[in-house]
């Protein structure tokens, strides 16, 4: 667990090892980064995309407040990393649109918020649909 002020590199601290563990030849979701807000999802995805831009790693954002059909379409293509809010990824996983069977990496960004009563049930349900080797 890391706690530091904004702009100190917390996202890079977990994004770099996450990127190193992605196998680009495996065209499946291999990492899930859960965040509490749409804004943080966009920022986090941008960091991951910038750090991995020469590695052919595909990262997508999935949050509530956007059209779910866009996520459906994007998940028909290669996605290695998903940065998502808990409600949206749980919805996609329960509908078997987001297959988390090969997802061995789970990051909880802003874990204090994600384990609050607002998100706790969703987090537990996400853990239940992920593979046990995460």
Protein backbone atom coordinates (compact mmCIF):
# COMPACT_ATOMS: atom_id res chain seq x y z
CA UNK A 1 0.00 0.00 0.00
CA UNK A 2 1.29 3.46 -0.88
CA UNK A 3 0.09 6.80 0.36
CA UNK A 4 1.51 9.98 -1.09
CA UNK A 5 0.52 13.36 -2.45
CA UNK A 6 -0.74 13.89 -6.00
CA UNK A 7 1.90 13.94 -8.70
CA UNK A 8 4.42 11.77 -6.88
CA UNK A 9 4.22 8.69 -9.12
CA UNK A 10 1.85 6.35 -7.31
CA UNK A 11 0.19 5.24 -10.56
CA UNK A 12 3.54 4.61 -12.24
CA UNK A 13 4.64 2.62 -9.18
CA UNK A 14 2.05 -0.07 -9.95
CA UNK A 15 1.66 0.52 -13.71
CA UNK A 16 5.28 -0.26 -14.59
CA UNK A 17 5.33 -3.75 -12.99
CA UNK A 18 1.82 -4.38 -14.35
CA UNK A 19 3.00 -3.54 -17.89
CA UNK A 20 6.02 -5.81 -17.49
CA UNK A 21 3.78 -8.77 -16.69
CA UNK A 22 1.56 -8.42 -19.77
CA UNK A 23 2.07 -11.00 -22.50
CA UNK A 24 1.07 -9.19 -25.72
CA UNK A 25 0.82 -12.51 -27.55
CA UNK A 26 -2.03 -13.54 -25.25
CA UNK A 27 -4.97 -11.58 -26.64
CA UNK A 28 -6.98 -11.66 -23.42
CA UNK A 29 -7.59 -9.45 -20.40
CA UNK A 30 -4.62 -9.95 -18.11
CA UNK A 31 -4.92 -7.01 -15.70
CA UNK A 32 -7.78 -5.16 -14.07
CA UNK A 33 -7.29 -1.79 -12.38
CA UNK A 34 -10.28 -0.77 -10.27
CA UNK A 35 -10.80 2.90 -9.50
CA UNK A 36 -13.68 4.69 -7.75
CA UNK A 37 -14.35 7.44 -10.32
CA UNK A 38 -14.57 8.01 -14.06
CA UNK A 39 -12.03 10.84 -13.86
CA UNK A 40 -9.45 8.66 -12.14
CA UNK A 41 -10.09 5.89 -14.68
CA UNK A 42 -9.28 8.28 -17.53
CA UNK A 43 -6.11 9.56 -15.81
CA UNK A 44 -4.92 6.06 -14.94
CA UNK A 45 -5.55 4.74 -18.43
CA UNK A 46 -3.58 7.62 -19.90
CA UNK A 47 -0.59 6.82 -17.67
CA UNK A 48 -0.70 3.14 -18.64
CA UNK A 49 -1.06 3.96 -22.34
CA UNK A 50 1.84 6.43 -22.23
CA UNK A 51 4.12 4.03 -20.37
CA UNK A 52 3.31 1.16 -22.73
CA UNK A 53 2.93 2.98 -26.05
CA UNK A 54 5.82 1.11 -27.71
CA UNK A 55 4.86 -2.30 -26.35
CA UNK A 56 1.59 -2.97 -28.23
CA UNK A 57 -0.34 -3.31 -24.98
CA UNK A 58 -4.03 -2.55 -25.40
CA UNK A 59 -5.68 -0.71 -22.51
CA UNK A 60 -9.32 0.33 -22.28
CA UNK A 61 -11.41 2.36 -19.88
CA UNK A 62 -14.81 1.14 -18.75
CA UNK A 63 -16.93 3.30 -16.46
CA UNK A 64 -20.53 4.01 -15.73
CA UNK A 65 -22.01 7.05 -17.42
CA UNK A 66 -20.90 5.89 -20.88
CA UNK A 67 -22.66 3.74 -23.46
CA UNK A 68 -22.27 0.08 -22.54
CA UNK A 69 -22.50 -0.92 -26.21
CA UNK A 70 -19.16 0.86 -26.79
CA UNK A 71 -17.60 -1.41 -24.17
CA UNK A 72 -19.26 -4.43 -25.82
CA UNK A 73 -17.69 -3.46 -29.15
CA UNK A 74 -14.26 -2.70 -27.68
CA UNK A 75 -14.18 -6.07 -25.91
CA UNK A 76 -14.58 -7.88 -29.25
CA UNK A 77 -11.06 -6.60 -29.95
CA UNK A 78 -7.83 -7.32 -28.11
CA UNK A 79 -7.70 -5.83 -24.60
CA UNK A 80 -4.86 -6.63 -22.20
CA UNK A 81 -5.63 -4.13 -19.42
CA UNK A 82 -8.95 -2.70 -18.27
CA UNK A 83 -9.17 0.35 -16.04
CA UNK A 84 -12.70 0.35 -14.69
CA UNK A 85 -15.11 1.38 -12.02
CA UNK A 86 -16.47 -1.58 -10.02
CA UNK A 87 -20.10 -1.38 -11.11
CA UNK A 88 -19.36 -1.33 -14.83
CA UNK A 89 -16.80 -4.14 -14.86
CA UNK A 90 -19.04 -6.29 -12.68
CA UNK A 91 -21.88 -5.73 -15.15
CA UNK A 92 -19.65 -6.65 -18.11
CA UNK A 93 -18.22 -9.71 -16.37
CA UNK A 94 -21.61 -10.99 -15.22
CA UNK A 95 -22.89 -10.70 -18.81
CA UNK A 96 -19.79 -12.66 -19.96
CA UNK A 97 -18.72 -9.73 -22.14
CA UNK A 98 -15.54 -9.15 -20.13
CA UNK A 99 -13.85 -12.52 -19.67
CA UNK A 100 -11.64 -12.34 -16.58
CA UNK A 101 -10.55 -16.00 -16.65
CA UNK A 102 -6.98 -15.09 -17.65
CA UNK A 103 -6.82 -11.93 -15.55
CA UNK A 104 -4.14 -12.58 -12.95
CA UNK A 105 -3.46 -8.99 -11.90
CA UNK A 106 -5.83 -6.88 -9.84
CA UNK A 107 -5.01 -3.36 -8.66
CA UNK A 108 -7.25 -1.42 -6.28
CA UNK A 109 -6.40 2.26 -6.74
CA UNK A 110 -7.67 4.40 -3.85
CA UNK A 111 -8.29 1.23 -1.88
CA UNK A 112 -9.70 3.17 1.08
CA UNK A 113 -12.65 4.26 -1.10
CA UNK A 114 -13.00 0.92 -2.90
CA UNK A 115 -13.28 -0.99 0.37
CA UNK A 116 -15.81 1.43 1.83
CA UNK A 117 -19.43 0.35 2.21
CA UNK A 118 -20.26 2.02 -1.13
CA UNK A 119 -18.10 -0.42 -3.12
CA UNK A 120 -17.43 -3.40 -0.83
CA UNK A 121 -20.13 -5.73 -2.21
CA UNK A 122 -19.13 -4.99 -5.80
CA UNK A 123 -15.46 -5.66 -5.01
CA UNK A 124 -16.34 -8.98 -3.38
CA UNK A 125 -18.43 -9.95 -6.42
CA UNK A 126 -15.62 -9.00 -8.80
CA UNK A 127 -13.20 -11.16 -6.83
CA UNK A 128 -15.69 -14.02 -7.11
CA UNK A 129 -15.74 -13.87 -10.93
CA UNK A 130 -11.96 -13.56 -11.30
CA UNK A 131 -9.69 -16.57 -11.46
CA UNK A 132 -8.28 -17.77 -8.15
CA UNK A 133 -4.64 -17.23 -9.17
CA UNK A 134 -4.94 -13.42 -9.19
